[in-house]
Amino acid sequence: MNKVHVRTGDEVIVINGKDRGKKGKVLEVSPSEGKVIVEGVNMVSKHVKPRKMGEQGGIIKAESALYADKVQLVCPKCKQPTRVGHVIEADKDGKKKKYRVCKKANCGAKFE
C-alpha cells in the first residue's frame, strides 16, 4: 500500500512541469500509482466517438493524471505551498486523532 500526501478536495499547487504555478482542487487520488488528478491542470485532448444515436462525438479537453510528488499542498491560513506534518492530539473524550499541519514557521494550521 502506497501513501499519498494529498486527499480528494485539497487545494494544491503544481511545483514543476509545463503547468508550474497553477493552483487547483484535487479531483481524484490514485495511491497505487502515486498519481493525482487536479482541476484545470495537465489538460489533454481526447477524441470521443459518439456511442448512442444522436450523440455528438469530437475532441474534448480533459484533465490527465500527474505524479503526486509534483504537487504541494496550499495552506488555508498562510496561502503558501507547504509540506505536511502530522500531529496526534487527544479529544475531550480522550480519543486520539491525527491531524495534518502546515510545516511553515509561525503557521502550524490544521488541514481538515
C-alpha atoms as a PDB file:
ATOM      1  CA  MET A   1       0.000   0.000   0.000  1.00  0.00           C
ATOM      2  CA  ASN A   2       1.402   3.383  -1.044  1.00  0.00           C
ATOM      3  CA  LYS A   3       0.540   6.614   0.744  1.00  0.00           C
ATOM      4  CA  VAL A   4      -0.009   9.988  -0.883  1.00  0.00           C
ATOM      5  CA  HIS A   5       0.302  13.296   0.981  1.00  0.00           C
ATOM      6  CA  VAL A   6      -2.847  14.813  -0.566  1.00  0.00           C
ATOM      7  CA  ARG A   7      -6.521  13.910  -0.345  1.00  0.00           C
ATOM      8  CA  THR A   8      -9.503  14.494  -2.590  1.00  0.00           C
ATOM      9  CA  GLY A   9     -10.730  18.074  -2.194  1.00  0.00           C
ATOM     10  CA  ASP A  10      -7.362  19.546  -1.130  1.00  0.00           C
ATOM     11  CA  GLU A  11      -6.123  22.796  -2.694  1.00  0.00           C
ATOM     12  CA  VAL A  12      -2.732  22.176  -4.345  1.00  0.00           C
ATOM     13  CA  ILE A  13      -0.170  23.989  -6.484  1.00  0.00           C
ATOM     14  CA  VAL A  14       1.948  22.377  -9.223  1.00  0.00           C
ATOM     15  CA  ILE A  15       5.652  22.773  -8.442  1.00  0.00           C
ATOM     16  CA  ASN A  16       7.220  21.604 -11.708  1.00  0.00           C
ATOM     17  CA  GLY A  17       6.418  20.760 -15.310  1.00  0.00           C
ATOM     18  CA  LYS A  18       4.533  22.624 -18.004  1.00  0.00           C
ATOM     19  CA  ASP A  19       1.781  23.698 -15.585  1.00  0.00           C
ATOM     20  CA  ARG A  20       4.122  25.034 -12.853  1.00  0.00           C
ATOM     21  CA  GLY A  21       2.443  27.582 -10.602  1.00  0.00           C
ATOM     22  CA  LYS A  22      -1.153  26.574 -11.373  1.00  0.00           C
ATOM     23  CA  LYS A  23      -3.485  26.031  -8.432  1.00  0.00           C
ATOM     24  CA  GLY A  24      -6.439  23.683  -8.356  1.00  0.00           C
ATOM     25  CA  LYS A  25      -8.556  21.298  -6.350  1.00  0.00           C
ATOM     26  CA  VAL A  26      -7.686  17.582  -6.241  1.00  0.00           C
ATOM     27  CA  LEU A  27     -10.463  15.683  -8.015  1.00  0.00           C
ATOM     28  CA  GLU A  28      -9.116  12.158  -7.674  1.00  0.00           C
ATOM     29  CA  VAL A  29      -6.229  10.365  -5.950  1.00  0.00           C
ATOM     30  CA  SER A  30      -4.708   7.048  -7.025  1.00  0.00           C
ATOM     31  CA  PRO A  31      -2.337   5.876  -4.254  1.00  0.00           C
ATOM     32  CA  SER A  32      -1.416   2.645  -6.055  1.00  0.00           C
ATOM     33  CA  GLU A  33       0.007   4.627  -8.998  1.00  0.00           C
ATOM     34  CA  GLY A  34       1.099   7.620  -6.900  1.00  0.00           C
ATOM     35  CA  LYS A  35      -0.891   9.984  -9.125  1.00  0.00           C
ATOM     36  CA  VAL A  36      -3.497  12.703  -8.703  1.00  0.00           C
ATOM     37  CA  ILE A  37      -5.949  14.491 -10.999  1.00  0.00           C
ATOM     38  CA  VAL A  38      -6.120  18.247 -10.387  1.00  0.00           C
ATOM     39  CA  GLU A  39      -8.909  20.504 -11.658  1.00  0.00           C
ATOM     40  CA  GLY A  40      -7.769  22.586 -14.664  1.00  0.00           C
ATOM     41  CA  VAL A  41      -4.213  21.189 -14.704  1.00  0.00           C
ATOM     42  CA  ASN A  42      -2.500  18.892 -17.251  1.00  0.00           C
ATOM     43  CA  MET A  43      -5.272  19.264 -19.832  1.00  0.00           C
ATOM     44  CA  VAL A  44      -5.222  16.797 -22.753  1.00  0.00           C
ATOM     45  CA  SER A  45      -7.351  16.464 -25.880  1.00  0.00           C
ATOM     46  CA  LYS A  46      -9.382  13.276 -26.130  1.00  0.00           C
ATOM     47  CA  HIS A  47     -11.056  12.039 -29.301  1.00  0.00           C
ATOM     48  CA  VAL A  48     -14.531  10.781 -28.405  1.00  0.00           C
ATOM     49  CA  LYS A  49     -16.730   8.626 -30.624  1.00  0.00           C
ATOM     50  CA  PRO A  50     -20.494   9.036 -30.475  1.00  0.00           C
ATOM     51  CA  ARG A  51     -21.853   5.998 -28.603  1.00  0.00           C
ATOM     52  CA  LYS A  52     -25.613   6.494 -28.939  1.00  0.00           C
ATOM     53  CA  MET A  53     -27.784   7.588 -31.833  1.00  0.00           C
ATOM     54  CA  GLY A  54     -27.878  11.396 -31.915  1.00  0.00           C
ATOM     55  CA  GLU A  55     -24.920  11.791 -29.523  1.00  0.00           C
ATOM     56  CA  GLN A  56     -22.173  14.045 -30.787  1.00  0.00           C
ATOM     57  CA  GLY A  57     -18.556  12.973 -30.975  1.00  0.00           C
ATOM     58  CA  GLY A  58     -15.489  15.156 -31.312  1.00  0.00           C
ATOM     59  CA  ILE A  59     -12.462  16.374 -29.438  1.00  0.00           C
ATOM     60  CA  ILE A  60     -12.898  17.215 -25.761  1.00  0.00           C
ATOM     61  CA  LYS A  61     -10.472  18.663 -23.210  1.00  0.00           C
ATOM     62  CA  ALA A  62      -9.997  16.655 -20.003  1.00  0.00           C
ATOM     63  CA  GLU A  63      -7.663  16.621 -17.017  1.00  0.00           C
ATOM     64  CA  SER A  64      -4.991  13.946 -17.035  1.00  0.00           C
ATOM     65  CA  ALA A  65      -3.218  12.410 -14.053  1.00  0.00           C
ATOM     66  CA  LEU A  66       0.136  13.697 -12.850  1.00  0.00           C
ATOM     67  CA  TYR A  67       2.505  12.368 -10.235  1.00  0.00           C
ATOM     68  CA  ALA A  68       1.629  13.342  -6.670  1.00  0.00           C
ATOM     69  CA  ASP A  69       5.203  14.435  -5.929  1.00  0.00           C
ATOM     70  CA  LYS A  70       4.780  17.256  -8.478  1.00  0.00           C
ATOM     71  CA  VAL A  71       2.110  18.942  -6.348  1.00  0.00           C
ATOM     72  CA  GLN A  72       2.325  20.636  -2.969  1.00  0.00           C
ATOM     73  CA  LEU A  73      -0.498  21.385  -0.561  1.00  0.00           C
ATOM     74  CA  VAL A  74      -1.552  25.036  -0.151  1.00  0.00           C
ATOM     75  CA  CYS A  75      -2.044  26.077   3.479  1.00  0.00           C
ATOM     76  CA  PRO A  76      -5.531  27.566   4.094  1.00  0.00           C
ATOM     77  CA  LYS A  77      -4.131  30.032   6.664  1.00  0.00           C
ATOM     78  CA  CYS A  78      -0.882  31.378   5.149  1.00  0.00           C
ATOM     79  CA  LYS A  79      -1.824  30.598   1.480  1.00  0.00           C
ATOM     80  CA  GLN A  80       1.703  29.255   0.842  1.00  0.00           C
ATOM     81  CA  PRO A  81       2.697  25.894  -0.677  1.00  0.00           C
ATOM     82  CA  THR A  82       3.847  23.729   2.197  1.00  0.00           C
ATOM     83  CA  ARG A  83       5.000  20.306   3.264  1.00  0.00           C
ATOM     84  CA  VAL A  84       2.674  18.375   5.534  1.00  0.00           C
ATOM     85  CA  GLY A  85       3.412  17.371   9.107  1.00  0.00           C
ATOM     86  CA  HIS A  86       1.340  15.106  11.341  1.00  0.00           C
ATOM     87  CA  VAL A  87       0.227  15.757  14.916  1.00  0.00           C
ATOM     88  CA  ILE A  88      -1.678  13.395  17.178  1.00  0.00           C
ATOM     89  CA  GLU A  89      -3.938  15.131  19.695  1.00  0.00           C
ATOM     90  CA  ALA A  90      -6.393  13.822  22.262  1.00  0.00           C
ATOM     91  CA  ASP A  91     -10.040  14.933  22.103  1.00  0.00           C
ATOM     92  CA  LYS A  92     -12.193  15.855  25.093  1.00  0.00           C
ATOM     93  CA  ASP A  93     -13.320  12.220  25.286  1.00  0.00           C
ATOM     94  CA  GLY A  94      -9.720  11.015  25.379  1.00  0.00           C
ATOM     95  CA  LYS A  95      -9.801   9.653  21.821  1.00  0.00           C
ATOM     96  CA  LYS A  96      -6.650  10.281  19.805  1.00  0.00           C
ATOM     97  CA  LYS A  97      -6.996  11.975  16.438  1.00  0.00           C
ATOM     98  CA  LYS A  98      -4.320  12.509  13.787  1.00  0.00           C
ATOM     99  CA  TYR A  99      -4.182  15.892  12.026  1.00  0.00           C
ATOM    100  CA  ARG A 100      -2.181  17.184   9.090  1.00  0.00           C
ATOM    101  CA  VAL A 101      -0.465  20.504   9.841  1.00  0.00           C
ATOM    102  CA  CYS A 102       1.411  23.211   7.917  1.00  0.00           C
ATOM    103  CA  LYS A 103       5.206  22.960   8.323  1.00  0.00           C
ATOM    104  CA  LYS A 104       5.845  26.678   7.666  1.00  0.00           C
ATOM    105  CA  ALA A 105       7.374  28.621  10.554  1.00  0.00           C
ATOM    106  CA  ASN A 106       4.835  30.530  12.692  1.00  0.00           C
ATOM    107  CA  CYS A 107       1.837  28.908  10.968  1.00  0.00           C
ATOM    108  CA  GLY A 108       1.014  25.348  12.093  1.00  0.00           C
ATOM    109  CA  ALA A 109      -2.541  25.479  10.686  1.00  0.00           C
ATOM    110  CA  LYS A 110      -4.534  22.232  10.670  1.00  0.00           C
ATOM    111  CA  PHE A 111      -5.844  20.788   7.420  1.00  0.00           C
ATOM    112  CA  GLU A 112      -9.376  19.482   7.823  1.00  0.00           C
END
